[in-house]
C-alpha atoms as a PDB file:
ATOM      1  CA  MET A   1     -86.273  78.611  40.415  1.00  0.00           C
ATOM      2  CA  SER A   2     -85.458  81.771  42.210  1.00  0.00           C
ATOM      3  CA  ARG A   3     -81.984  81.641  44.246  1.00  0.00           C
ATOM      4  CA  ARG A   4     -82.390  82.433  48.163  1.00  0.00           C
ATOM      5  CA  LEU A   5     -80.362  85.244  49.715  1.00  0.00           C
ATOM      6  CA  LEU A   6     -80.557  85.829  53.458  1.00  0.00           C
ATOM      7  CA  ILE A   7     -79.472  89.289  54.773  1.00  0.00           C
ATOM      8  CA  ILE A   8     -78.388  89.524  58.226  1.00  0.00           C
ATOM      9  CA  GLU A   9     -78.573  93.598  58.992  1.00  0.00           C
ATOM     10  CA  ASP A  10     -79.335  95.525  62.038  1.00  0.00           C
ATOM     11  CA  ASP A  11     -79.791  98.746  60.140  1.00  0.00           C
ATOM     12  CA  THR A  12     -83.000  99.063  58.363  1.00  0.00           C
ATOM     13  CA  GLU A  13     -81.915 101.555  56.189  1.00  0.00           C
ATOM     14  CA  THR A  14     -79.014  99.307  55.040  1.00  0.00           C
ATOM     15  CA  ARG A  15     -81.353  96.101  54.950  1.00  0.00           C
ATOM     16  CA  GLU A  16     -84.093  97.715  53.029  1.00  0.00           C
ATOM     17  CA  PHE A  17     -81.934  99.048  50.569  1.00  0.00           C
ATOM     18  CA  VAL A  18     -79.863  95.624  49.607  1.00  0.00           C
ATOM     19  CA  ALA A  19     -83.273  93.652  49.869  1.00  0.00           C
ATOM     20  CA  LYS A  20     -85.234  95.679  47.272  1.00  0.00           C
ATOM     21  CA  GLY A  21     -82.492  95.509  45.241  1.00  0.00           C
ATOM     22  CA  PHE A  22     -82.006  91.666  45.335  1.00  0.00           C
ATOM     23  CA  ALA A  23     -85.548  91.009  45.376  1.00  0.00           C
ATOM     24  CA  GLU A  24     -85.648  93.170  41.847  1.00  0.00           C
ATOM     25  CA  GLU A  25     -82.943  90.947  40.258  1.00  0.00           C
ATOM     26  CA  GLY A  26     -85.237  87.747  40.928  1.00  0.00           C
ATOM     27  CA  PHE A  27     -83.955  86.419  44.198  1.00  0.00           C
ATOM     28  CA  ALA A  28     -86.330  85.344  46.905  1.00  0.00           C
ATOM     29  CA  VAL A  29     -85.012  87.389  49.926  1.00  0.00           C
ATOM     30  CA  GLU A  30     -85.243  86.886  53.891  1.00  0.00           C
ATOM     31  CA  ALA A  31     -83.916  89.056  56.317  1.00  0.00           C
ATOM     32  CA  ALA A  32     -82.752  88.855  60.035  1.00  0.00           C
ATOM     33  CA  THR A  33     -82.261  92.156  62.156  1.00  0.00           C
ATOM     34  CA  ASP A  34     -80.113  90.343  64.799  1.00  0.00           C
ATOM     35  CA  GLY A  35     -77.134  87.464  64.941  1.00  0.00           C
ATOM     36  CA  ARG A  36     -79.341  84.819  66.785  1.00  0.00           C
ATOM     37  CA  GLU A  37     -82.482  85.390  64.468  1.00  0.00           C
ATOM     38  CA  GLY A  38     -79.637  85.155  61.591  1.00  0.00           C
ATOM     39  CA  LEU A  39     -78.080  82.227  62.724  1.00  0.00           C
ATOM     40  CA  TYR A  40     -81.078  80.691  62.996  1.00  0.00           C
ATOM     41  CA  LEU A  41     -82.418  80.718  59.767  1.00  0.00           C
ATOM     42  CA  ALA A  42     -78.762  80.418  57.898  1.00  0.00           C
ATOM     43  CA  THR A  43     -78.923  76.744  60.017  1.00  0.00           C
ATOM     44  CA  ASP A  44     -81.454  75.495  57.459  1.00  0.00           C
ATOM     45  CA  GLY A  45     -79.418  75.430  54.553  1.00  0.00           C
ATOM     46  CA  SER A  46     -81.871  76.130  52.105  1.00  0.00           C
ATOM     47  CA  PHE A  47     -79.929  79.808  51.282  1.00  0.00           C
ATOM     48  CA  ASP A  48     -77.885  80.196  48.174  1.00  0.00           C
ATOM     49  CA  ALA A  49     -75.612  83.123  49.223  1.00  0.00           C
ATOM     50  CA  ILE A  50     -75.765  85.156  52.666  1.00  0.00           C
ATOM     51  CA  VAL A  51     -75.066  89.181  53.176  1.00  0.00           C
ATOM     52  CA  LEU A  52     -73.725  89.577  56.656  1.00  0.00           C
ATOM     53  CA  ASP A  53     -73.169  92.794  58.666  1.00  0.00           C
ATOM     54  CA  ARG A  54     -69.806  92.461  60.885  1.00  0.00           C
ATOM     55  CA  MET A  55     -71.493  94.341  63.763  1.00  0.00           C
ATOM     56  CA  LEU A  56     -74.731  92.669  65.029  1.00  0.00           C
ATOM     57  CA  PRO A  57     -76.984  92.818  68.247  1.00  0.00           C
ATOM     58  CA  GLY A  58     -77.063  89.634  70.182  1.00  0.00           C
ATOM     59  CA  LEU A  59     -74.328  87.681  68.162  1.00  0.00           C
ATOM     60  CA  ASP A  60     -71.761  89.648  66.247  1.00  0.00           C
ATOM     61  CA  GLY A  61     -70.917  88.759  62.398  1.00  0.00           C
ATOM     62  CA  LEU A  62     -67.665  86.763  63.064  1.00  0.00           C
ATOM     63  CA  ALA A  63     -68.993  84.407  65.848  1.00  0.00           C
ATOM     64  CA  LEU A  64     -72.058  83.820  63.734  1.00  0.00           C
ATOM     65  CA  ILE A  65     -69.824  82.899  60.395  1.00  0.00           C
ATOM     66  CA  LYS A  66     -67.713  80.910  62.793  1.00  0.00           C
ATOM     67  CA  SER A  67     -70.566  79.001  64.474  1.00  0.00           C
ATOM     68  CA  LEU A  68     -72.089  77.939  60.541  1.00  0.00           C
ATOM     69  CA  ARG A  69     -68.495  76.824  59.428  1.00  0.00           C
ATOM     70  CA  ALA A  70     -68.099  75.019  62.689  1.00  0.00           C
ATOM     71  CA  ALA A  71     -71.629  72.946  61.871  1.00  0.00           C
ATOM     72  CA  GLY A  72     -70.326  72.521  58.375  1.00  0.00           C
ATOM     73  CA  MET A  73     -72.219  74.805  56.746  1.00  0.00           C
ATOM     74  CA  ARG A  74     -70.643  76.116  52.977  1.00  0.00           C
ATOM     75  CA  THR A  75     -73.029  78.463  51.761  1.00  0.00           C
ATOM     76  CA  PRO A  76     -71.037  81.645  50.378  1.00  0.00           C
ATOM     77  CA  VAL A  77     -71.086  84.351  53.070  1.00  0.00           C
ATOM     78  CA  LEU A  78     -70.138  87.915  51.808  1.00  0.00           C
ATOM     79  CA  MET A  79     -69.616  90.117  54.688  1.00  0.00           C
ATOM     80  CA  LEU A  80     -70.261  94.014  55.156  1.00  0.00           C
ATOM     81  CA  THR A  81     -68.433  96.228  57.469  1.00  0.00           C
ATOM     82  CA  ALA A  82     -67.869 100.028  58.341  1.00  0.00           C
ATOM     83  CA  MET A  83     -64.350  98.623  59.348  1.00  0.00           C
ATOM     84  CA  SER A  84     -62.015  99.159  56.607  1.00  0.00           C
ATOM     85  CA  ALA A  85     -58.840  98.056  58.335  1.00  0.00           C
ATOM     86  CA  VAL A  86     -56.978  95.281  56.737  1.00  0.00           C
ATOM     87  CA  ASP A  87     -56.442  93.495  59.615  1.00  0.00           C
ATOM     88  CA  GLU A  88     -60.188  93.255  60.260  1.00  0.00           C
ATOM     89  CA  ARG A  89     -61.004  92.501  56.852  1.00  0.00           C
ATOM     90  CA  VAL A  90     -58.536  89.166  57.569  1.00  0.00           C
ATOM     91  CA  LYS A  91     -60.374  88.682  60.551  1.00  0.00           C
ATOM     92  CA  GLY A  92     -63.700  87.935  58.595  1.00  0.00           C
ATOM     93  CA  LEU A  93     -61.969  85.734  55.934  1.00  0.00           C
ATOM     94  CA  ARG A  94     -60.176  83.535  58.857  1.00  0.00           C
ATOM     95  CA  ALA A  95     -63.400  83.257  60.448  1.00  0.00           C
ATOM     96  CA  GLY A  96     -65.137  81.724  56.984  1.00  0.00           C
ATOM     97  CA  ALA A  97     -66.324  84.718  54.890  1.00  0.00           C
ATOM     98  CA  ASP A  98     -66.270  84.255  50.932  1.00  0.00           C
ATOM     99  CA  ASP A  99     -65.955  87.749  50.424  1.00  0.00           C
ATOM    100  CA  TYR A 100     -65.699  91.304  52.212  1.00  0.00           C
ATOM    101  CA  LEU A 101     -67.464  94.344  51.344  1.00  0.00           C
ATOM    102  CA  VAL A 102     -66.590  97.567  52.768  1.00  0.00           C
ATOM    103  CA  LYS A 103     -69.834 100.395  53.760  1.00  0.00           C
ATOM    104  CA  PRO A 104     -70.709 102.499  52.039  1.00  0.00           C
ATOM    105  CA  PHE A 105     -71.104 100.479  48.794  1.00  0.00           C
ATOM    106  CA  SER A 106     -73.033 100.396  45.610  1.00  0.00           C
ATOM    107  CA  PHE A 107     -75.740  97.898  45.212  1.00  0.00           C
ATOM    108  CA  GLN A 108     -74.209  97.440  41.751  1.00  0.00           C
ATOM    109  CA  GLU A 109     -70.939  96.214  43.122  1.00  0.00           C
ATOM    110  CA  LEU A 110     -72.619  94.153  46.005  1.00  0.00           C
ATOM    111  CA  HIS A 111     -74.777  92.262  43.428  1.00  0.00           C
ATOM    112  CA  ALA A 112     -71.913  91.584  41.244  1.00  0.00           C
ATOM    113  CA  ARG A 113     -69.813  89.621  43.843  1.00  0.00           C
ATOM    114  CA  ILE A 114     -73.250  87.901  45.052  1.00  0.00           C
ATOM    115  CA  GLU A 115     -73.004  86.733  41.539  1.00  0.00           C
ATOM    116  CA  ALA A 116     -69.275  85.810  41.221  1.00  0.00           C
ATOM    117  CA  LEU A 117     -69.674  83.704  44.629  1.00  0.00           C
ATOM    118  CA  LEU A 118     -72.516  81.706  42.944  1.00  0.00           C
ATOM    119  CA  ARG A 119     -70.847  81.356  40.131  1.00  0.00           C
ATOM    120  CA  ARG A 120     -68.035  79.229  42.075  1.00  0.00           C
ATOM    121  CA  PRO A 121     -68.153  75.279  42.352  1.00  0.00           C
ATOM    122  CA  GLN A 122     -69.614  74.767  45.561  1.00  0.00           C
ATOM    123  CA  GLU A 123     -67.186  72.746  47.850  1.00  0.00           C
ATOM    124  CA  ALA A 124     -70.135  71.154  48.803  1.00  0.00           C
ATOM    125  CA  GLU A 125     -71.319  69.862  46.095  1.00  0.00           C
ATOM    126  CA  GLU A 126     -67.497  68.607  44.581  1.00  0.00           C
ATOM    127  CA  THR A 127     -67.055  66.595  47.835  1.00  0.00           C
ATOM    128  CA  ALA A 128     -70.022  65.739  49.553  1.00  0.00           C
ATOM    129  CA  LEU A 129     -68.232  62.647  50.498  1.00  0.00           C
ATOM    130  CA  LEU A 130     -64.779  62.006  52.104  1.00  0.00           C
ATOM    131  CA  SER A 131     -63.717  58.815  52.973  1.00  0.00           C
ATOM    132  CA  CYS A 132     -60.685  56.854  54.065  1.00  0.00           C
ATOM    133  CA  ARG A 133     -60.784  53.531  54.137  1.00  0.00           C
ATOM    134  CA  ASP A 134     -64.209  51.872  55.617  1.00  0.00           C
ATOM    135  CA  LEU A 135     -64.769  55.481  57.039  1.00  0.00           C
ATOM    136  CA  GLU A 136     -66.978  57.555  54.814  1.00  0.00           C
ATOM    137  CA  MET A 137     -68.119  61.409  55.832  1.00  0.00           C
ATOM    138  CA  ASP A 138     -71.307  62.922  53.873  1.00  0.00           C
ATOM    139  CA  LEU A 139     -71.206  66.626  54.480  1.00  0.00           C
ATOM    140  CA  LEU A 140     -74.315  66.923  53.335  1.00  0.00           C
ATOM    141  CA  ARG A 141     -76.252  64.708  55.534  1.00  0.00           C
ATOM    142  CA  ARG A 142     -73.841  65.611  58.265  1.00  0.00           C
ATOM    143  CA  ARG A 143     -73.112  61.825  58.690  1.00  0.00           C
ATOM    144  CA  VAL A 144     -70.401  59.703  59.665  1.00  0.00           C
ATOM    145  CA  THR A 145     -70.522  55.801  59.137  1.00  0.00           C
ATOM    146  CA  ARG A 146     -67.761  53.041  59.596  1.00  0.00           C
ATOM    147  CA  ALA A 147     -68.060  49.860  57.728  1.00  0.00           C
ATOM    148  CA  GLY A 148     -71.496  50.703  57.542  1.00  0.00           C
ATOM    149  CA  ARG A 149     -72.118  51.737  60.914  1.00  0.00           C
ATOM    150  CA  GLU A 150     -73.241  54.964  61.871  1.00  0.00           C
ATOM    151  CA  ILE A 151     -70.999  57.174  64.117  1.00  0.00           C
ATOM    152  CA  THR A 152     -72.346  60.129  66.730  1.00  0.00           C
ATOM    153  CA  LEU A 153     -70.026  62.935  66.619  1.00  0.00           C
ATOM    154  CA  THR A 154     -70.032  66.187  68.471  1.00  0.00           C
ATOM    155  CA  PRO A 155     -69.931  69.364  65.981  1.00  0.00           C
ATOM    156  CA  ARG A 156     -66.222  69.706  67.019  1.00  0.00           C
ATOM    157  CA  GLU A 157     -65.482  66.249  66.372  1.00  0.00           C
ATOM    158  CA  PHE A 158     -67.208  66.321  63.052  1.00  0.00           C
ATOM    159  CA  GLN A 159     -65.004  69.406  62.426  1.00  0.00           C
ATOM    160  CA  ILE A 160     -61.517  68.063  63.460  1.00  0.00           C
ATOM    161  CA  LEU A 161     -62.271  64.657  61.376  1.00  0.00           C
ATOM    162  CA  GLU A 162     -63.614  66.769  58.610  1.00  0.00           C
ATOM    163  CA  TYR A 163     -60.042  68.519  58.695  1.00  0.00           C
ATOM    164  CA  PHE A 164     -58.227  65.387  58.811  1.00  0.00           C
ATOM    165  CA  LEU A 165     -60.006  63.849  55.758  1.00  0.00           C
ATOM    166  CA  ARG A 166     -59.359  66.538  53.716  1.00  0.00           C
ATOM    167  CA  ARG A 167     -55.469  66.051  54.367  1.00  0.00           C
ATOM    168  CA  LYS A 168     -55.490  62.439  54.043  1.00  0.00           C
ATOM    169  CA  ASN A 169     -51.847  61.078  54.157  1.00  0.00           C
ATOM    170  CA  ARG A 170     -50.130  64.672  55.668  1.00  0.00           C
ATOM    171  CA  VAL A 171     -48.624  65.400  58.898  1.00  0.00           C
ATOM    172  CA  ILE A 172     -51.083  68.104  60.618  1.00  0.00           C
ATOM    173  CA  SER A 173     -49.101  69.680  63.405  1.00  0.00           C
ATOM    174  CA  ARG A 174     -50.777  70.730  66.332  1.00  0.00           C
ATOM    175  CA  THR A 175     -50.496  74.165  65.506  1.00  0.00           C
ATOM    176  CA  MET A 176     -52.449  73.622  62.323  1.00  0.00           C
ATOM    177  CA  LEU A 177     -55.175  72.113  64.260  1.00  0.00           C
ATOM    178  CA  LEU A 178     -55.303  74.918  66.698  1.00  0.00           C
ATOM    179  CA  GLU A 179     -55.803  77.534  63.946  1.00  0.00           C
ATOM    180  CA  GLY A 180     -57.839  75.386  61.548  1.00  0.00           C
ATOM    181  CA  VAL A 181     -60.548  74.152  64.012  1.00  0.00           C
ATOM    182  CA  TRP A 182     -59.999  76.361  66.916  1.00  0.00           C
ATOM    183  CA  ASP A 183     -59.065  79.753  65.073  1.00  0.00           C
ATOM    184  CA  TYR A 184     -56.565  79.993  67.784  1.00  0.00           C
ATOM    185  CA  HIS A 185     -53.614  81.979  66.474  1.00  0.00           C
ATOM    186  CA  PHE A 186     -51.270  81.152  69.275  1.00  0.00           C
ATOM    187  CA  ASP A 187     -50.918  78.129  71.909  1.00  0.00           C
ATOM    188  CA  PRO A 188     -52.797  78.250  74.492  1.00  0.00           C
ATOM    189  CA  SER A 189     -50.624  75.812  76.491  1.00  0.00           C
ATOM    190  CA  THR A 190     -53.041  72.904  77.065  1.00  0.00           C
ATOM    191  CA  ASN A 191     -53.347  69.810  75.922  1.00  0.00           C
ATOM    192  CA  ILE A 192     -56.831  70.388  74.082  1.00  0.00           C
ATOM    193  CA  VAL A 193     -55.619  68.898  70.937  1.00  0.00           C
ATOM    194  CA  ASP A 194     -54.576  66.125  72.215  1.00  0.00           C
ATOM    195  CA  VAL A 195     -57.677  65.345  74.348  1.00  0.00           C
ATOM    196  CA  HIS A 196     -60.349  65.821  71.270  1.00  0.00           C
ATOM    197  CA  ILE A 197     -58.194  63.655  69.206  1.00  0.00           C
ATOM    198  CA  SER A 198     -58.279  60.667  71.667  1.00  0.00           C
ATOM    199  CA  LYS A 199     -61.964  61.273  72.207  1.00  0.00           C
ATOM    200  CA  LEU A 200     -62.221  60.921  68.449  1.00  0.00           C
ATOM    201  CA  ARG A 201     -60.282  58.147  68.070  1.00  0.00           C
ATOM    202  CA  ARG A 202     -62.440  56.251  70.439  1.00  0.00           C
ATOM    203  CA  GLN A 203     -65.637  57.478  68.711  1.00  0.00           C
ATOM    204  CA  ILE A 204     -64.765  56.366  65.651  1.00  0.00           C
ATOM    205  CA  GLY A 205     -63.316  52.946  66.433  1.00  0.00           C
ATOM    206  CA  ASP A 206     -59.385  53.300  66.041  1.00  0.00           C
ATOM    207  CA  ASN A 207     -57.328  50.709  67.530  1.00  0.00           C
ATOM    208  CA  SER A 208     -53.922  50.168  67.887  1.00  0.00           C
ATOM    209  CA  GLU A 209     -53.137  47.659  65.051  1.00  0.00           C
ATOM    210  CA  SER A 210     -54.242  49.809  62.338  1.00  0.00           C
ATOM    211  CA  PRO A 211     -55.471  53.459  63.418  1.00  0.00           C
ATOM    212  CA  LEU A 212     -56.833  55.886  60.829  1.00  0.00           C
ATOM    213  CA  ILE A 213     -55.534  58.674  62.947  1.00  0.00           C
ATOM    214  CA  GLU A 214     -51.639  57.842  63.678  1.00  0.00           C
ATOM    215  CA  THR A 215     -49.729  59.658  65.994  1.00  0.00           C
ATOM    216  CA  VAL A 216     -46.443  61.156  64.387  1.00  0.00           C
ATOM    217  CA  ARG A 217     -43.734  61.189  67.280  1.00  0.00           C
ATOM    218  CA  GLY A 218     -42.364  64.939  67.681  1.00  0.00           C
ATOM    219  CA  ALA A 219     -44.706  66.068  64.468  1.00  0.00           C
ATOM    220  CA  GLY A 220     -48.509  65.715  65.146  1.00  0.00           C
ATOM    221  CA  TYR A 221     -50.740  63.457  63.457  1.00  0.00           C
ATOM    222  CA  MET A 222     -51.763  61.789  60.359  1.00  0.00           C
ATOM    223  CA  MET A 223     -54.769  59.967  58.855  1.00  0.00           C
ATOM    224  CA  SER A 224     -53.448  57.565  56.565  1.00  0.00           C
ATOM    225  CA  ASP A 225     -55.302  55.779  53.720  1.00  0.00           C
ATOM    226  CA  ALA A 226     -52.794  53.050  53.490  1.00  0.00           C
END
């Protein structure tokens, strides 16, 4: 079966150059010309990799990849950009890109980088199921259950819960949550974390006797499987 590649690029010459090259390498290629169309196509989860332009009409590359990661999509993404500054590359990687390539580029290098991403063990396959005591999260089906009862969560609540499940038995500070979930690299001086944690606790049926998410006074929170 052909590997599927999504190209999200508004420049016609670049888009056609990349699409032609990967088609000749045996990929099944689809393309989008703006960020909103690209996000719509990307969220069906059927692509093996995505080549994403940094500057796009409608929805820029950073906002697009943040939306994908917030929705739990783990498809490898290589970001293309004309911005060569280090801080711009860092922004892309922090937003969720797996690799970064600066324009102009050779197709041979782009192809090699995509092949390298596809050789990596996919996190979603390795950790498709996360759990803590009687709570389970299925990342592929985007499903959460506790003691067999399905729990409906918003995308943000799902993201927070996944963050905790991947860091069981570790103290998680509010700063870590702000950076890891909201991508804030500063303290907005609000109680946004506490409000969301409180709501998440209600959603998963936590109680004061044996909570999954414990408050660690003066430090933050911890999800304990003890």
